[in-house]
PDB file of all heavy atoms in Angstrom:
ATOM      1  N   ALA A   1     -10.775   5.429  -2.479  1.00  0.00           N
ATOM      2  CA  ALA A   1     -10.971   6.850  -2.151  1.00  0.00           C
ATOM      3  C   ALA A   1     -12.135   7.060  -1.199  1.00  0.00           C
ATOM      4  O   ALA A   1     -12.197   8.083  -0.508  1.00  0.00           O
ATOM      5  CB  ALA A   1     -11.185   7.659  -3.432  1.00  0.00           C
ATOM      6  N   GLY A   2     -13.045   6.110  -1.141  1.00  0.00           N
ATOM      7  CA  GLY A   2     -14.206   6.239  -0.260  1.00  0.00           C
ATOM      8  C   GLY A   2     -13.990   5.669   1.128  1.00  0.00           C
ATOM      9  O   GLY A   2     -14.903   5.711   1.969  1.00  0.00           O
ATOM     10  N   ILE A   3     -12.802   5.139   1.405  1.00  0.00           N
ATOM     11  CA  ILE A   3     -12.511   4.575   2.725  1.00  0.00           C
ATOM     12  C   ILE A   3     -11.907   5.677   3.588  1.00  0.00           C
ATOM     13  O   ILE A   3     -10.762   6.084   3.396  1.00  0.00           O
ATOM     14  CB  ILE A   3     -11.547   3.374   2.622  1.00  0.00           C
ATOM     15  CG1 ILE A   3     -12.205   2.249   1.812  1.00  0.00           C
ATOM     16  CG2 ILE A   3     -11.150   2.881   4.018  1.00  0.00           C
ATOM     17  CD1 ILE A   3     -11.293   1.055   1.573  1.00  0.00           C
ATOM     18  N   GLY A   4     -12.675   6.156   4.557  1.00  0.00           N
ATOM     19  CA  GLY A   4     -12.246   7.309   5.340  1.00  0.00           C
ATOM     20  C   GLY A   4     -11.535   6.985   6.630  1.00  0.00           C
ATOM     21  O   GLY A   4     -10.988   7.882   7.278  1.00  0.00           O
ATOM     22  N   VAL A   5     -11.514   5.721   7.044  1.00  0.00           N
ATOM     23  CA  VAL A   5     -10.889   5.390   8.326  1.00  0.00           C
ATOM     24  C   VAL A   5      -9.373   5.465   8.191  1.00  0.00           C
ATOM     25  O   VAL A   5      -8.820   5.258   7.106  1.00  0.00           O
ATOM     26  CB  VAL A   5     -11.312   3.986   8.808  1.00  0.00           C
ATOM     27  CG1 VAL A   5     -12.814   3.922   9.015  1.00  0.00           C
ATOM     28  CG2 VAL A   5     -10.855   2.902   7.845  1.00  0.00           C
ATOM     29  N   PRO A   6      -8.659   5.757   9.285  1.00  0.00           N
ATOM     30  CA  PRO A   6      -7.200   5.778   9.225  1.00  0.00           C
ATOM     31  C   PRO A   6      -6.647   4.427   8.795  1.00  0.00           C
ATOM     32  O   PRO A   6      -7.183   3.375   9.154  1.00  0.00           O
ATOM     33  CB  PRO A   6      -6.793   6.109  10.667  1.00  0.00           C
ATOM     34  CG  PRO A   6      -7.980   6.791  11.256  1.00  0.00           C
ATOM     35  CD  PRO A   6      -9.170   6.149  10.608  1.00  0.00           C
ATOM     36  N   ALA A   7      -5.575   4.474   8.036  1.00  0.00           N
ATOM     37  CA  ALA A   7      -4.984   3.241   7.516  1.00  0.00           C
ATOM     38  C   ALA A   7      -3.469   3.267   7.692  1.00  0.00           C
ATOM     39  O   ALA A   7      -2.837   4.319   7.582  1.00  0.00           O
ATOM     40  CB  ALA A   7      -5.332   3.059   6.041  1.00  0.00           C
ATOM     41  N   LEU A   8      -2.913   2.104   7.968  1.00  0.00           N
ATOM     42  CA  LEU A   8      -1.473   1.901   7.995  1.00  0.00           C
ATOM     43  C   LEU A   8      -1.130   0.879   6.925  1.00  0.00           C
ATOM     44  O   LEU A   8      -1.682  -0.223   6.917  1.00  0.00           O
ATOM     45  CB  LEU A   8      -1.019   1.402   9.366  1.00  0.00           C
ATOM     46  CG  LEU A   8       0.457   0.959   9.482  1.00  0.00           C
ATOM     47  CD1 LEU A   8       1.402   2.141   9.272  1.00  0.00           C
ATOM     48  CD2 LEU A   8       0.708   0.288  10.828  1.00  0.00           C
ATOM     49  N   VAL A   9      -0.233   1.241   6.016  1.00  0.00           N
ATOM     50  CA  VAL A   9       0.230   0.325   4.971  1.00  0.00           C
ATOM     51  C   VAL A   9       1.669  -0.058   5.300  1.00  0.00           C
ATOM     52  O   VAL A   9       2.560   0.788   5.307  1.00  0.00           O
ATOM     53  CB  VAL A   9       0.134   0.973   3.575  1.00  0.00           C
ATOM     54  CG1 VAL A   9       0.665   0.013   2.512  1.00  0.00           C
ATOM     55  CG2 VAL A   9      -1.300   1.386   3.273  1.00  0.00           C
ATOM     56  N   VAL A  10       1.874  -1.337   5.595  1.00  0.00           N
ATOM     57  CA  VAL A  10       3.191  -1.847   5.979  1.00  0.00           C
ATOM     58  C   VAL A  10       3.745  -2.668   4.817  1.00  0.00           C
ATOM     59  O   VAL A  10       3.061  -3.551   4.299  1.00  0.00           O
ATOM     60  CB  VAL A  10       3.091  -2.717   7.249  1.00  0.00           C
ATOM     61  CG1 VAL A  10       4.468  -3.202   7.668  1.00  0.00           C
ATOM     62  CG2 VAL A  10       2.435  -1.936   8.384  1.00  0.00           C
ATOM     63  N   LYS A  11       4.988  -2.383   4.434  1.00  0.00           N
ATOM     64  CA  LYS A  11       5.491  -3.006   3.214  1.00  0.00           C
ATOM     65  C   LYS A  11       6.919  -3.531   3.373  1.00  0.00           C
ATOM     66  O   LYS A  11       7.794  -2.861   3.927  1.00  0.00           O
ATOM     67  CB  LYS A  11       5.480  -1.981   2.061  1.00  0.00           C
ATOM     68  CG  LYS A  11       5.856  -2.585   0.726  1.00  0.00           C
ATOM     69  CD  LYS A  11       4.884  -3.673   0.324  1.00  0.00           C
ATOM     70  CE  LYS A  11       5.378  -4.494  -0.848  1.00  0.00           C
ATOM     71  NZ  LYS A  11       4.517  -5.683  -1.066  1.00  0.00           N
ATOM     72  N   GLY A  12       7.144  -4.737   2.849  1.00  0.00           N
ATOM     73  CA  GLY A  12       8.488  -5.283   2.735  1.00  0.00           C
ATOM     74  C   GLY A  12       9.101  -4.849   1.425  1.00  0.00           C
ATOM     75  O   GLY A  12       8.612  -5.236   0.355  1.00  0.00           O
ATOM     76  N   PRO A  13      10.156  -4.029   1.432  1.00  0.00           N
ATOM     77  CA  PRO A  13      10.724  -3.503   0.183  1.00  0.00           C
ATOM     78  C   PRO A  13      11.263  -4.572  -0.760  1.00  0.00           C
ATOM     79  O   PRO A  13      11.409  -4.328  -1.952  1.00  0.00           O
ATOM     80  CB  PRO A  13      11.864  -2.587   0.676  1.00  0.00           C
ATOM     81  CG  PRO A  13      11.515  -2.267   2.092  1.00  0.00           C
ATOM     82  CD  PRO A  13      10.817  -3.475   2.619  1.00  0.00           C
ATOM     83  N   ARG A  14      11.570  -5.776  -0.230  1.00  0.00           N
ATOM     84  CA  ARG A  14      12.093  -6.840  -1.079  1.00  0.00           C
ATOM     85  C   ARG A  14      10.998  -7.720  -1.675  1.00  0.00           C
ATOM     86  O   ARG A  14      11.302  -8.718  -2.335  1.00  0.00           O
ATOM     87  CB  ARG A  14      13.064  -7.718  -0.272  1.00  0.00           C
ATOM     88  CG  ARG A  14      14.330  -7.016   0.175  1.00  0.00           C
ATOM     89  CD  ARG A  14      15.272  -7.991   0.844  1.00  0.00           C
ATOM     90  NE  ARG A  14      16.518  -7.358   1.270  1.00  0.00           N
ATOM     91  CZ  ARG A  14      17.513  -8.003   1.849  1.00  0.00           C
ATOM     92  NH1 ARG A  14      17.431  -9.302   2.071  1.00  0.00           N
ATOM     93  NH2 ARG A  14      18.602  -7.365   2.212  1.00  0.00           N
ATOM     94  N   ASP A  15       9.780  -7.376  -1.438  1.00  0.00           N
ATOM     95  CA  ASP A  15       8.664  -8.187  -1.920  1.00  0.00           C
ATOM     96  C   ASP A  15       8.478  -7.974  -3.420  1.00  0.00           C
ATOM     97  O   ASP A  15       8.093  -6.897  -3.867  1.00  0.00           O
ATOM     98  CB  ASP A  15       7.388  -7.796  -1.162  1.00  0.00           C
ATOM     99  CG  ASP A  15       6.188  -8.661  -1.527  1.00  0.00           C
ATOM    100  OD1 ASP A  15       6.364  -9.642  -2.280  1.00  0.00           O
ATOM    101  OD2 ASP A  15       5.081  -8.360  -1.048  1.00  0.00           O
ATOM    102  N   GLU A  16       8.744  -9.023  -4.201  1.00  0.00           N
ATOM    103  CA  GLU A  16       8.498  -8.963  -5.643  1.00  0.00           C
ATOM    104  C   GLU A  16       7.240  -9.738  -6.017  1.00  0.00           C
ATOM    105  O   GLU A  16       6.816  -9.717  -7.171  1.00  0.00           O
ATOM    106  CB  GLU A  16       9.710  -9.510  -6.401  1.00  0.00           C
ATOM    107  CG  GLU A  16      10.964  -8.671  -6.183  1.00  0.00           C
ATOM    108  CD  GLU A  16      12.095  -9.071  -7.132  1.00  0.00           C
ATOM    109  OE1 GLU A  16      11.787  -9.549  -8.236  1.00  0.00           O
ATOM    110  OE2 GLU A  16      13.263  -8.899  -6.752  1.00  0.00           O
ATOM    111  N   TYR A  17       6.646 -10.430  -5.054  1.00  0.00           N
ATOM    112  CA  TYR A  17       5.412 -11.174  -5.291  1.00  0.00           C
ATOM    113  C   TYR A  17       4.240 -10.205  -5.403  1.00  0.00           C
ATOM    114  O   TYR A  17       3.435 -10.269  -6.325  1.00  0.00           O
ATOM    115  CB  TYR A  17       5.221 -12.163  -4.147  1.00  0.00           C
ATOM    116  CG  TYR A  17       4.237 -13.281  -4.414  1.00  0.00           C
ATOM    117  CD1 TYR A  17       4.307 -14.037  -5.577  1.00  0.00           C
ATOM    118  CD2 TYR A  17       3.255 -13.593  -3.481  1.00  0.00           C
ATOM    119  CE1 TYR A  17       3.419 -15.076  -5.804  1.00  0.00           C
ATOM    120  CE2 TYR A  17       2.362 -14.625  -3.706  1.00  0.00           C
ATOM    121  CZ  TYR A  17       2.449 -15.357  -4.855  1.00  0.00           C
ATOM    122  OH  TYR A  17       1.565 -16.386  -5.077  1.00  0.00           O
ATOM    123  N   CYS A  18       4.128  -9.300  -4.421  1.00  0.00           N
ATOM    124  CA  CYS A  18       3.206  -8.160  -4.473  1.00  0.00           C
ATOM    125  C   CYS A  18       4.089  -6.918  -4.415  1.00  0.00           C
ATOM    126  O   CYS A  18       4.513  -6.514  -3.327  1.00  0.00           O
ATOM    127  CB  CYS A  18       2.225  -8.183  -3.306  1.00  0.00           C
ATOM    128  SG  CYS A  18       1.036  -9.529  -3.347  1.00  0.00           S
ATOM    129  N   PRO A  19       4.400  -6.309  -5.532  1.00  0.00           N
ATOM    130  CA  PRO A  19       5.456  -5.298  -5.590  1.00  0.00           C
ATOM    131  C   PRO A  19       5.169  -4.046  -4.768  1.00  0.00           C
ATOM    132  O   PRO A  19       4.024  -3.747  -4.411  1.00  0.00           O
ATOM    133  CB  PRO A  19       5.552  -4.972  -7.083  1.00  0.00           C
ATOM    134  CG  PRO A  19       4.265  -5.429  -7.674  1.00  0.00           C
ATOM    135  CD  PRO A  19       3.801  -6.577  -6.851  1.00  0.00           C
ATOM    136  N   VAL A  20       6.235  -3.326  -4.498  1.00  0.00           N
ATOM    137  CA  VAL A  20       6.164  -2.094  -3.704  1.00  0.00           C
ATOM    138  C   VAL A  20       5.216  -1.094  -4.346  1.00  0.00           C
ATOM    139  O   VAL A  20       4.466  -0.384  -3.646  1.00  0.00           O
ATOM    140  CB  VAL A  20       7.575  -1.493  -3.538  1.00  0.00           C
ATOM    141  CG1 VAL A  20       7.500  -0.098  -2.941  1.00  0.00           C
ATOM    142  CG2 VAL A  20       8.436  -2.405  -2.668  1.00  0.00           C
ATOM    143  N   ASP A  21       5.205  -1.025  -5.661  1.00  0.00           N
ATOM    144  CA  ASP A  21       4.343  -0.055  -6.350  1.00  0.00           C
ATOM    145  C   ASP A  21       2.872  -0.266  -5.995  1.00  0.00           C
ATOM    146  O   ASP A  21       2.105   0.702  -5.919  1.00  0.00           O
ATOM    147  CB  ASP A  21       4.530  -0.160  -7.868  1.00  0.00           C
ATOM    148  CG  ASP A  21       5.869   0.383  -8.328  1.00  0.00           C
ATOM    149  OD1 ASP A  21       6.545   1.046  -7.510  1.00  0.00           O
ATOM    150  OD2 ASP A  21       6.253   0.141  -9.491  1.00  0.00           O
ATOM    151  N   TRP A  22       2.466  -1.510  -5.803  1.00  0.00           N
ATOM    152  CA  TRP A  22       1.074  -1.773  -5.420  1.00  0.00           C
ATOM    153  C   TRP A  22       0.759  -1.137  -4.076  1.00  0.00           C
ATOM    154  O   TRP A  22      -0.280  -0.503  -3.901  1.00  0.00           O
ATOM    155  CB  TRP A  22       0.832  -3.281  -5.337  1.00  0.00           C
ATOM    156  CG  TRP A  22       0.791  -3.986  -6.643  1.00  0.00           C
ATOM    157  CD1 TRP A  22       1.088  -3.474  -7.877  1.00  0.00           C
ATOM    158  CD2 TRP A  22       0.442  -5.361  -6.851  1.00  0.00           C
ATOM    159  NE1 TRP A  22       0.951  -4.441  -8.841  1.00  0.00           N
ATOM    160  CE2 TRP A  22       0.555  -5.605  -8.253  1.00  0.00           C
ATOM    161  CE3 TRP A  22       0.069  -6.393  -6.014  1.00  0.00           C
ATOM    162  CZ2 TRP A  22       0.289  -6.855  -8.804  1.00  0.00           C
ATOM    163  CZ3 TRP A  22      -0.201  -7.644  -6.562  1.00  0.00           C
ATOM    164  CH2 TRP A  22      -0.098  -7.874  -7.934  1.00  0.00           C
ATOM    165  N   ALA A  23       1.643  -1.344  -3.121  1.00  0.00           N
ATOM    166  CA  ALA A  23       1.406  -0.813  -1.771  1.00  0.00           C
ATOM    167  C   ALA A  23       1.410   0.712  -1.775  1.00  0.00           C
ATOM    168  O   ALA A  23       0.580   1.349  -1.107  1.00  0.00           O
ATOM    169  CB  ALA A  23       2.461  -1.348  -0.809  1.00  0.00           C
ATOM    170  N   ARG A  24       2.340   1.302  -2.500  1.00  0.00           N
ATOM    171  CA  ARG A  24       2.400   2.767  -2.559  1.00  0.00           C
ATOM    172  C   ARG A  24       1.137   3.331  -3.213  1.00  0.00           C
ATOM    173  O   ARG A  24       0.599   4.360  -2.779  1.00  0.00           O
ATOM    174  CB  ARG A  24       3.644   3.214  -3.326  1.00  0.00           C
ATOM    175  CG  ARG A  24       4.941   2.977  -2.561  1.00  0.00           C
ATOM    176  CD  ARG A  24       6.089   3.738  -3.205  1.00  0.00           C
ATOM    177  NE  ARG A  24       7.331   3.593  -2.466  1.00  0.00           N
ATOM    178  CZ  ARG A  24       7.669   4.310  -1.402  1.00  0.00           C
ATOM    179  NH1 ARG A  24       6.817   5.234  -0.950  1.00  0.00           N
ATOM    180  NH2 ARG A  24       8.818   4.120  -0.792  1.00  0.00           N
ATOM    181  N   GLU A  25       0.665   2.670  -4.256  1.00  0.00           N
ATOM    182  CA  GLU A  25      -0.552   3.135  -4.920  1.00  0.00           C
ATOM    183  C   GLU A  25      -1.742   3.060  -3.967  1.00  0.00           C
ATOM    184  O   GLU A  25      -2.560   3.992  -3.898  1.00  0.00           O
ATOM    185  CB  GLU A  25      -0.827   2.303  -6.163  1.00  0.00           C
ATOM    186  CG  GLU A  25      -2.079   2.744  -6.922  1.00  0.00           C
ATOM    187  CD  GLU A  25      -2.394   1.860  -8.107  1.00  0.00           C
ATOM    188  OE1 GLU A  25      -2.042   0.656  -8.077  1.00  0.00           O
ATOM    189  OE2 GLU A  25      -3.001   2.360  -9.075  1.00  0.00           O
ATOM    190  N   ILE A  26      -1.853   1.969  -3.213  1.00  0.00           N
ATOM    191  CA  ILE A  26      -2.939   1.825  -2.251  1.00  0.00           C
ATOM    192  C   ILE A  26      -2.870   2.935  -1.205  1.00  0.00           C
ATOM    193  O   ILE A  26      -3.887   3.557  -0.861  1.00  0.00           O
ATOM    194  CB  ILE A  26      -2.876   0.433  -1.586  1.00  0.00           C
ATOM    195  CG1 ILE A  26      -3.283  -0.649  -2.594  1.00  0.00           C
ATOM    196  CG2 ILE A  26      -3.779   0.367  -0.348  1.00  0.00           C
ATOM    197  CD1 ILE A  26      -3.011  -2.059  -2.132  1.00  0.00           C
ATOM    198  N   ALA A  27      -1.664   3.206  -0.698  1.00  0.00           N
ATOM    199  CA  ALA A  27      -1.499   4.261   0.309  1.00  0.00           C
ATOM    200  C   ALA A  27      -1.871   5.624  -0.247  1.00  0.00           C
ATOM    201  O   ALA A  27      -2.444   6.467   0.464  1.00  0.00           O
ATOM    202  CB  ALA A  27      -0.064   4.265   0.823  1.00  0.00           C
ATOM    203  N   GLU A  28      -1.555   5.854  -1.507  1.00  0.00           N
ATOM    204  CA  GLU A  28      -1.887   7.141  -2.121  1.00  0.00           C
ATOM    205  C   GLU A  28      -3.381   7.284  -2.384  1.00  0.00           C
ATOM    206  O   GLU A  28      -3.936   8.389  -2.282  1.00  0.00           O
ATOM    207  CB  GLU A  28      -1.106   7.300  -3.423  1.00  0.00           C
ATOM    208  CG  GLU A  28       0.396   7.479  -3.213  1.00  0.00           C
ATOM    209  CD  GLU A  28       1.187   7.409  -4.510  1.00  0.00           C
ATOM    210  OE1 GLU A  28       0.539   7.203  -5.575  1.00  0.00           O
ATOM    211  OE2 GLU A  28       2.425   7.542  -4.459  1.00  0.00           O
ATOM    212  N   LEU A  29      -4.052   6.192  -2.716  1.00  0.00           N
ATOM    213  CA  LEU A  29      -5.482   6.259  -3.015  1.00  0.00           C
ATOM    214  C   LEU A  29      -6.341   6.373  -1.755  1.00  0.00           C
ATOM    215  O   LEU A  29      -7.424   6.960  -1.804  1.00  0.00           O
ATOM    216  CB  LEU A  29      -5.904   5.020  -3.819  1.00  0.00           C
ATOM    217  CG  LEU A  29      -5.386   4.942  -5.260  1.00  0.00           C
ATOM    218  CD1 LEU A  29      -5.729   3.586  -5.883  1.00  0.00           C
ATOM    219  CD2 LEU A  29      -5.983   6.065  -6.101  1.00  0.00           C
TER     220      LEU A  29
END
């Protein structure tokens, strides 16, 4: 929440090693 710089989160939907939910949570935070 303290990172103010613009961010792009790129995600492979088939990734089960680091699941999609992790990436979505990071993008939301």
